[in-house]
N, C-alpha and C. Protein backbone atom coordinates (compact mmCIF):
# COMPACT_ATOMS: atom_id res chain seq x y z
N UNK A 1 -11.82 6.33 -21.69
CA UNK A 1 -10.53 6.64 -20.81
C UNK A 1 -9.55 8.11 -21.24
N UNK A 2 -8.76 9.21 -20.82
CA UNK A 2 -8.31 10.07 -21.38
C UNK A 2 -6.74 9.78 -21.27
N UNK A 3 -6.12 9.90 -21.93
CA UNK A 3 -4.82 9.96 -22.01
C UNK A 3 -3.98 9.68 -20.70
N UNK A 4 -4.40 11.32 -20.23
CA UNK A 4 -4.03 10.82 -18.34
C UNK A 4 -4.42 9.83 -17.79
N UNK A 5 -5.89 9.15 -18.02
CA UNK A 5 -5.77 8.63 -16.94
C UNK A 5 -5.12 7.05 -17.70
N UNK A 6 -5.15 6.77 -19.15
CA UNK A 6 -4.29 5.71 -19.50
C UNK A 6 -2.88 5.63 -19.03
N UNK A 7 -2.39 6.92 -18.75
CA UNK A 7 -0.81 6.83 -18.32
C UNK A 7 -0.92 6.98 -17.07
N UNK A 8 -1.65 7.29 -16.27
CA UNK A 8 -1.84 6.94 -14.81
C UNK A 8 -2.36 5.06 -14.75
N UNK A 9 -2.80 5.04 -15.16
CA UNK A 9 -3.21 2.91 -14.78
C UNK A 9 -2.39 2.70 -15.73
N UNK A 10 -1.03 3.29 -16.96
CA UNK A 10 0.15 2.16 -17.25
C UNK A 10 1.52 2.15 -15.75
N UNK A 11 1.37 3.62 -15.34
CA UNK A 11 2.13 3.88 -14.05
C UNK A 11 1.91 2.68 -13.31
N UNK A 12 0.98 2.82 -12.81
CA UNK A 12 0.34 2.10 -11.85
C UNK A 12 0.48 0.44 -12.23
N UNK A 13 0.26 -0.17 -13.50
CA UNK A 13 0.18 -1.21 -14.04
C UNK A 13 2.11 -1.85 -13.25
N UNK A 14 2.52 -0.56 -13.65
CA UNK A 14 4.13 -1.04 -13.68
C UNK A 14 4.89 -0.63 -12.38
N UNK A 15 3.99 -0.17 -11.97
CA UNK A 15 4.69 -0.12 -10.47
C UNK A 15 4.20 -1.63 -9.82
N UNK A 16 3.40 -2.19 -9.55
CA UNK A 16 2.58 -2.80 -9.39
C UNK A 16 3.75 -4.20 -9.71
N UNK A 17 4.06 -4.04 -11.68
CA UNK A 17 5.12 -5.22 -11.84
C UNK A 17 6.61 -5.11 -11.13
N UNK A 18 6.80 -4.25 -11.07
CA UNK A 18 7.96 -3.61 -10.77
C UNK A 18 8.56 -4.15 -9.11
N UNK A 19 7.67 -4.10 -8.32
CA UNK A 19 8.01 -4.10 -6.38
C UNK A 19 7.53 -4.86 -6.27
N UNK A 20 8.14 -6.13 -5.63
CA UNK A 20 7.59 -7.22 -5.08
C UNK A 20 6.83 -6.79 -3.81
N UNK A 21 6.69 -5.53 -3.21
CA UNK A 21 5.28 -5.78 -2.05
C UNK A 21 5.52 -3.76 -2.86
N UNK A 22 3.87 -3.63 -2.35
CA UNK A 22 3.48 -2.14 -2.86
C UNK A 22 2.26 -1.75 -2.50
N UNK A 23 2.29 -0.87 -1.89
CA UNK A 23 1.47 -0.30 -1.12
C UNK A 23 0.97 1.09 -1.44
N UNK A 24 -0.38 0.88 -1.99
CA UNK A 24 -1.30 2.67 -2.37
C UNK A 24 -1.73 2.41 -1.07
N UNK A 25 -1.60 4.11 -0.80
CA UNK A 25 -2.30 4.50 0.14
C UNK A 25 -2.42 5.64 0.00
N UNK A 26 -3.19 6.04 1.47
CA UNK A 26 -3.32 7.60 1.32
C UNK A 26 -2.23 8.50 2.62
N UNK A 27 -1.44 8.98 2.32
CA UNK A 27 0.18 9.87 2.55
C UNK A 27 0.86 8.82 1.97
N UNK A 28 2.29 9.21 2.91
CA UNK A 28 3.15 8.22 2.71
C UNK A 28 3.63 7.83 4.31
N UNK A 29 4.46 6.86 4.28
CA UNK A 29 4.86 5.97 4.77
C UNK A 29 5.34 6.40 6.40
N UNK A 30 5.76 7.90 6.17
CA UNK A 30 6.48 8.55 6.86
C UNK A 30 5.38 9.43 7.72
N UNK A 31 4.05 9.69 6.75
CA UNK A 31 3.29 10.64 7.16
C UNK A 31 2.02 10.29 6.73
N UNK A 32 0.85 9.15 7.47
CA UNK A 32 -0.31 8.46 6.68
C UNK A 32 -1.06 9.29 7.24
N UNK A 33 -2.10 9.44 5.66
CA UNK A 33 -3.18 10.49 5.85
C UNK A 33 -4.70 9.62 6.85
N UNK A 34 -4.59 8.45 6.87
CA UNK A 34 -5.65 7.52 7.61
C UNK A 34 -5.13 6.56 8.09
N UNK A 35 -5.60 6.15 9.34
CA UNK A 35 -5.31 5.73 10.26
C UNK A 35 -5.35 4.17 9.88
N UNK A 36 -6.00 3.54 8.74
CA UNK A 36 -6.27 2.18 8.39
C UNK A 36 -4.98 2.15 7.27
N UNK A 37 -4.41 3.48 6.59
CA UNK A 37 -2.92 2.99 6.12
C UNK A 37 -1.86 2.96 6.63
N UNK A 38 -2.16 3.88 7.97
CA UNK A 38 -1.20 4.19 9.06
C UNK A 38 -1.05 2.50 9.44
N UNK A 39 -2.49 2.18 9.47
CA UNK A 39 -2.08 0.56 10.67
C UNK A 39 -1.31 -0.74 9.57
N UNK A 40 -1.72 -0.07 7.72
CA UNK A 40 -1.11 -1.35 6.90
C UNK A 40 0.29 -0.92 7.04
N UNK A 41 1.07 0.26 7.20
CA UNK A 41 2.40 0.47 6.99
C UNK A 41 2.87 -0.09 8.25
N UNK A 42 2.39 0.39 9.23
CA UNK A 42 2.62 -0.76 10.62
C UNK A 42 2.97 -1.58 10.15
N UNK A 43 2.26 -2.32 10.23
CA UNK A 43 2.22 -3.70 9.63
C UNK A 43 3.32 -4.45 9.14
N UNK A 44 3.38 -3.66 7.81
CA UNK A 44 4.66 -4.29 7.08
C UNK A 44 5.87 -3.80 7.62
N UNK A 45 6.03 -2.66 8.25
CA UNK A 45 6.96 -2.40 9.09
C UNK A 45 7.27 -3.26 10.66
N UNK A 46 6.86 -4.04 11.23
CA UNK A 46 6.77 -4.94 11.69
C UNK A 46 7.38 -6.09 11.41
N UNK A 47 7.01 -6.65 9.96
CA UNK A 47 7.41 -7.75 9.61
C UNK A 47 8.77 -7.31 9.19
N UNK A 48 9.44 -5.70 9.27
CA UNK A 48 10.89 -5.94 8.34
C UNK A 48 11.29 -6.08 7.04
N UNK A 49 9.68 -6.34 6.50
CA UNK A 49 10.25 -6.40 4.75
C UNK A 49 10.09 -5.61 4.42
N UNK A 50 10.98 -4.59 3.23
CA UNK A 50 11.20 -3.78 2.17
C UNK A 50 9.61 -3.24 1.55
N UNK A 51 9.11 -2.52 1.40
CA UNK A 51 8.17 -2.40 0.39
C UNK A 51 7.76 -1.06 -0.63
N UNK A 52 7.28 -0.53 -1.72
CA UNK A 52 7.22 0.83 -2.06
C UNK A 52 5.83 0.88 -1.70
N UNK A 53 5.42 2.29 -1.75
CA UNK A 53 4.31 2.99 -1.26
C UNK A 53 4.12 4.42 -2.67
N UNK A 54 2.54 4.25 -2.92
CA UNK A 54 2.47 5.17 -3.49
C UNK A 54 1.51 5.93 -3.23
N UNK A 55 1.34 7.20 -2.85
CA UNK A 55 0.38 7.74 -2.16
C UNK A 55 -0.59 8.33 -3.16
N UNK A 56 -1.57 8.13 -3.00
CA UNK A 56 -2.67 8.19 -4.47
C UNK A 56 -3.71 9.75 -3.76
N UNK A 57 -3.61 10.15 -2.69
CA UNK A 57 -4.46 11.24 -2.79
C UNK A 57 -3.99 12.59 -3.75
N UNK A 58 -2.55 12.55 -3.94
CA UNK A 58 -2.65 14.21 -5.33
C UNK A 58 -3.48 14.11 -6.17
N UNK A 59 -3.88 13.01 -6.86
CA UNK A 59 -4.46 13.15 -7.85
C UNK A 59 -5.98 12.12 -8.47
N UNK A 60 -6.73 12.76 -8.34
CA UNK A 60 -8.33 11.58 -7.96
C UNK A 60 -7.77 10.42 -8.84
N UNK A 61 -7.69 10.36 -10.38
CA UNK A 61 -7.37 9.39 -11.03
C UNK A 61 -7.01 8.35 -10.66
N UNK A 62 -5.69 8.63 -10.07
CA UNK A 62 -4.86 7.39 -9.26
C UNK A 62 -5.57 6.87 -8.54
N UNK A 63 -6.52 7.36 -7.18
CA UNK A 63 -7.48 6.07 -6.88
C UNK A 63 -8.19 5.56 -7.35
N UNK A 64 -9.37 6.22 -8.46
CA UNK A 64 -10.01 5.73 -9.77
C UNK A 64 -9.89 4.43 -10.46
N UNK A 65 -8.33 5.18 -10.88
CA UNK A 65 -7.37 3.71 -11.90
C UNK A 65 -7.07 2.57 -11.40
N UNK A 66 -7.02 3.12 -9.95
CA UNK A 66 -6.52 1.95 -9.00
C UNK A 66 -7.21 1.09 -8.76
N UNK A 67 -8.78 1.74 -8.66
CA UNK A 67 -9.22 0.38 -8.05
C UNK A 67 -10.22 -0.18 -9.31
N UNK A 68 -10.26 0.45 -10.75
CA UNK A 68 -10.62 0.55 -11.93
C UNK A 68 -9.80 -1.24 -12.35
N UNK A 69 -8.52 -1.19 -11.68
CA UNK A 69 -7.85 -2.20 -11.74
C UNK A 69 -8.10 -3.48 -11.08
N UNK A 70 -7.96 -3.08 -10.03
CA UNK A 70 -7.61 -3.61 -8.83
C UNK A 70 -9.44 -4.16 -8.95
N UNK A 71 -10.35 -3.73 -8.44
CA UNK A 71 -11.52 -4.04 -8.36
C UNK A 71 -12.03 -3.94 -7.07
N UNK A 72 -10.69 -2.90 -6.69
CA UNK A 72 -10.87 -3.24 -4.97
C UNK A 72 -11.18 -1.87 -4.40
N UNK A 73 -12.07 -1.66 -3.87
CA UNK A 73 -13.00 0.15 -3.80
C UNK A 73 -12.59 0.49 -2.96
N UNK A 74 -11.51 -0.18 -1.84
CA UNK A 74 -10.94 1.03 -0.53
C UNK A 74 -9.69 0.76 -0.61
N UNK A 75 -8.68 1.94 0.01
CA UNK A 75 -7.93 2.02 0.18
C UNK A 75 -7.00 2.47 1.90
N UNK A 76 -6.01 1.78 2.39
CA UNK A 76 -4.93 1.14 1.20
C UNK A 76 -5.05 0.02 0.49
N UNK A 77 -4.25 -0.45 -0.46
CA UNK A 77 -4.54 -1.09 -1.38
C UNK A 77 -2.94 -2.20 -1.19
N UNK A 78 -2.73 -3.15 -0.25
CA UNK A 78 -1.36 -3.78 -1.00
C UNK A 78 -1.26 -4.81 -1.78
N UNK A 79 -0.48 -4.73 -2.78
CA UNK A 79 0.17 -5.71 -3.64
C UNK A 79 1.37 -6.40 -3.39
N UNK A 80 1.20 -7.59 -3.30
CA UNK A 80 2.33 -8.56 -3.50
C UNK A 80 2.37 -10.02 -4.68
N UNK A 81 4.33 -9.65 -5.20
CA UNK A 81 4.25 -10.51 -6.34
C UNK A 81 3.05 -10.12 -7.32
N UNK A 82 2.45 -9.07 -7.85
CA UNK A 82 1.71 -8.52 -8.68
C UNK A 82 0.28 -9.21 -8.33
N UNK A 83 0.32 -9.11 -7.16
CA UNK A 83 -1.39 -9.90 -6.94
C UNK A 83 -1.98 -8.78 -5.96
N UNK A 84 -3.10 -8.93 -5.38
CA UNK A 84 -4.03 -8.22 -4.60
C UNK A 84 -4.01 -8.55 -3.61
N UNK A 85 -3.01 -8.30 -2.58
CA UNK A 85 -3.48 -8.83 -1.21
C UNK A 85 -5.00 -8.48 -0.59
N UNK A 86 -5.14 -7.08 -0.45
CA UNK A 86 -5.67 -6.45 0.29
C UNK A 86 -5.89 -5.51 0.73
N UNK A 87 -6.97 -5.25 1.80
CA UNK A 87 -6.73 -3.63 2.02
C UNK A 87 -6.50 -4.31 3.76
N UNK A 88 -6.43 -3.03 4.57
CA UNK A 88 -5.70 -3.36 5.81
C UNK A 88 -6.67 -4.51 6.92
N UNK A 89 -7.87 -4.79 6.99
CA UNK A 89 -8.42 -5.42 7.63
C UNK A 89 -7.98 -7.48 7.34
N UNK A 90 -7.79 -7.50 6.35
CA UNK A 90 -7.31 -8.12 5.46
C UNK A 90 -5.63 -8.28 5.63
N UNK A 91 -4.45 -7.21 5.25
CA UNK A 91 -3.27 -7.42 5.83
C UNK A 91 -3.36 -7.61 7.45
N UNK A 92 -3.55 -6.73 8.65
CA UNK A 92 -3.37 -7.60 9.51
C UNK A 92 -4.13 -8.75 10.06
N UNK A 93 -5.42 -9.33 9.20
CA UNK A 93 -5.32 -10.54 9.44
C UNK A 93 -4.62 -11.53 9.31
N UNK A 94 -3.99 -11.06 8.63
CA UNK A 94 -3.16 -12.23 7.42
C UNK A 94 -1.40 -12.24 8.57
N UNK A 95 -1.08 -10.26 8.90
CA UNK A 95 -0.32 -10.59 10.13
C UNK A 95 -0.45 -11.57 11.46
N UNK A 96 -1.86 -11.19 11.83
CA UNK A 96 -1.76 -12.15 12.69
C UNK A 96 -1.50 -13.40 12.67
N UNK A 97 -2.12 -14.22 12.00
CA UNK A 97 -1.82 -15.76 11.10
C UNK A 97 -0.68 -16.07 10.58
N UNK A 98 0.20 -15.34 10.73
CA UNK A 98 1.42 -15.84 9.99
C UNK A 98 1.12 -15.58 8.27
N UNK A 99 0.26 -15.13 7.84
CA UNK A 99 0.27 -15.55 6.30
C UNK A 99 0.84 -14.78 5.59
N UNK A 100 0.83 -13.11 5.92
CA UNK A 100 1.45 -12.33 5.29
C UNK A 100 2.85 -12.23 5.27
N UNK A 101 4.12 -12.62 6.91
CA UNK A 101 5.39 -12.83 6.73
C UNK A 101 5.21 -14.49 6.05
N UNK A 102 4.70 -15.25 5.48
CA UNK A 102 5.20 -16.82 4.89
C UNK A 102 4.84 -15.94 3.01
N UNK A 103 3.94 -15.10 3.29
CA UNK A 103 3.81 -14.25 1.53
C UNK A 103 4.20 -13.23 1.00
N UNK A 104 5.02 -12.35 1.71
CA UNK A 104 5.73 -12.08 1.44
C UNK A 104 7.62 -12.46 1.81
N UNK A 105 7.45 -13.73 2.12
CA UNK A 105 9.00 -14.46 2.56
C UNK A 105 9.88 -14.21 3.39
N UNK A 106 9.36 -13.40 4.65
CA UNK A 106 10.03 -13.01 5.91
C UNK A 106 10.05 -14.06 6.50
N UNK A 107 10.30 -14.04 8.26
CA UNK A 107 10.18 -14.72 8.79
C UNK A 107 9.27 -14.00 10.08
N UNK A 108 7.87 -14.75 10.67
CA UNK A 108 6.89 -13.82 11.63
C UNK A 108 7.25 -13.68 12.77
N UNK A 109 7.41 -12.54 13.28
CA UNK A 109 7.95 -11.73 14.57
C UNK A 109 7.43 -12.41 15.43
N UNK A 110 8.30 -12.52 16.13
CA UNK A 110 7.81 -13.18 18.50
C UNK A 110 6.85 -12.39 18.16
N UNK A 111 6.72 -11.41 18.92
CA UNK A 111 6.51 -10.05 19.04
C UNK A 111 6.01 -9.26 18.34
N UNK A 112 5.43 -8.35 18.05
CA UNK A 112 5.70 -7.05 17.39
C UNK A 112 4.31 -6.68 17.09
N UNK A 113 3.22 -5.81 17.92
CA UNK A 113 2.45 -5.61 17.56
C UNK A 113 2.03 -4.29 16.95
N UNK A 114 1.06 -4.40 16.37
CA UNK A 114 0.86 -3.26 15.49
C UNK A 114 -0.16 -2.23 15.29
N UNK A 115 0.45 -1.38 15.73
CA UNK A 115 -0.39 0.13 16.40
C UNK A 115 0.13 1.18 15.79
N UNK A 116 -0.79 1.55 15.72
CA UNK A 116 -0.64 3.65 14.41
C UNK A 116 -1.64 4.02 15.01
N UNK A 117 -0.92 5.48 15.26
CA UNK A 117 -2.22 6.51 14.92
C UNK A 117 -2.48 7.33 13.69
N UNK A 118 -3.08 7.44 13.23
CA UNK A 118 -3.73 8.52 12.13
C UNK A 118 -3.11 9.72 12.26
N UNK A 119 -2.10 10.17 11.36
CA UNK A 119 -1.99 11.03 11.23
C UNK A 119 -3.05 12.37 10.77
N UNK A 120 -2.54 13.64 10.68
CA UNK A 120 -3.22 14.37 9.74
C UNK A 120 -3.26 14.41 7.93
N UNK A 121 -4.44 14.72 7.86
CA UNK A 121 -3.83 15.05 6.16
C UNK A 121 -2.57 15.93 6.09
N UNK A 122 -2.28 16.01 4.63
CA UNK A 122 -1.29 16.46 4.07
C UNK A 122 -1.30 16.99 2.42
N UNK A 123 -0.70 17.98 2.25
CA UNK A 123 -0.53 18.15 0.47
C UNK A 123 0.53 17.36 0.61
N UNK A 124 0.77 16.80 -0.94
CA UNK A 124 1.79 15.88 -1.11
C UNK A 124 2.16 15.97 -2.80
N UNK A 125 3.01 15.81 -3.02
CA UNK A 125 3.12 16.13 -4.61
C UNK A 125 2.72 14.99 -5.45
N UNK A 126 2.43 15.07 -6.79
CA UNK A 126 2.12 14.19 -7.20
C UNK A 126 2.95 12.48 -7.43
N UNK A 127 1.67 11.83 -8.18
CA UNK A 127 2.38 10.20 -8.03
C UNK A 127 3.61 10.16 -7.71
N UNK A 128 4.11 9.73 -6.72
CA UNK A 128 5.88 9.06 -6.51
C UNK A 128 5.64 7.76 -5.71
N UNK A 129 6.77 6.99 -6.34
CA UNK A 129 6.73 5.25 -5.52
C UNK A 129 8.11 6.18 -4.51
N UNK A 130 7.67 5.12 -3.91
CA UNK A 130 8.89 5.56 -2.44
C UNK A 130 9.23 4.35 -2.44
N UNK A 131 10.78 4.05 -1.83
CA UNK A 131 11.04 2.51 -1.92
C UNK A 131 11.85 2.32 -0.26
N UNK A 132 10.80 1.83 0.44
CA UNK A 132 10.85 1.27 1.61
C UNK A 132 11.66 0.79 2.30
N UNK A 133 13.25 0.73 3.18
CA UNK A 133 13.81 -0.45 3.27
C UNK A 133 13.20 -1.36 4.47
């Protein structure tokens, strides 16, 4: 592992440790770059829970180090309280049965559809963490 990869892995670990809810995704919450990331963002927004987001697209090592750390091959990846929850399918299933609301400590919305269309890919700056209200 190169020094750059070590720095990236350390930054990922720190981000996971410092944020109660963090989503590693393709794109940003405002401009997701794939349908799975868009759907996961929509799920978190439907809960109204604050979350941080990291765009894994700017540098290939971000995805490589994240997957090595989490032992999860696909993106997006949602972490809550330092633990991997899973990807889009798991997150949306947990939302549907109320487990996700319980996990993040919010009340399950009575009627909150999770719908999002994929946005076209776009160029992004290097790894940044965005706090979402």
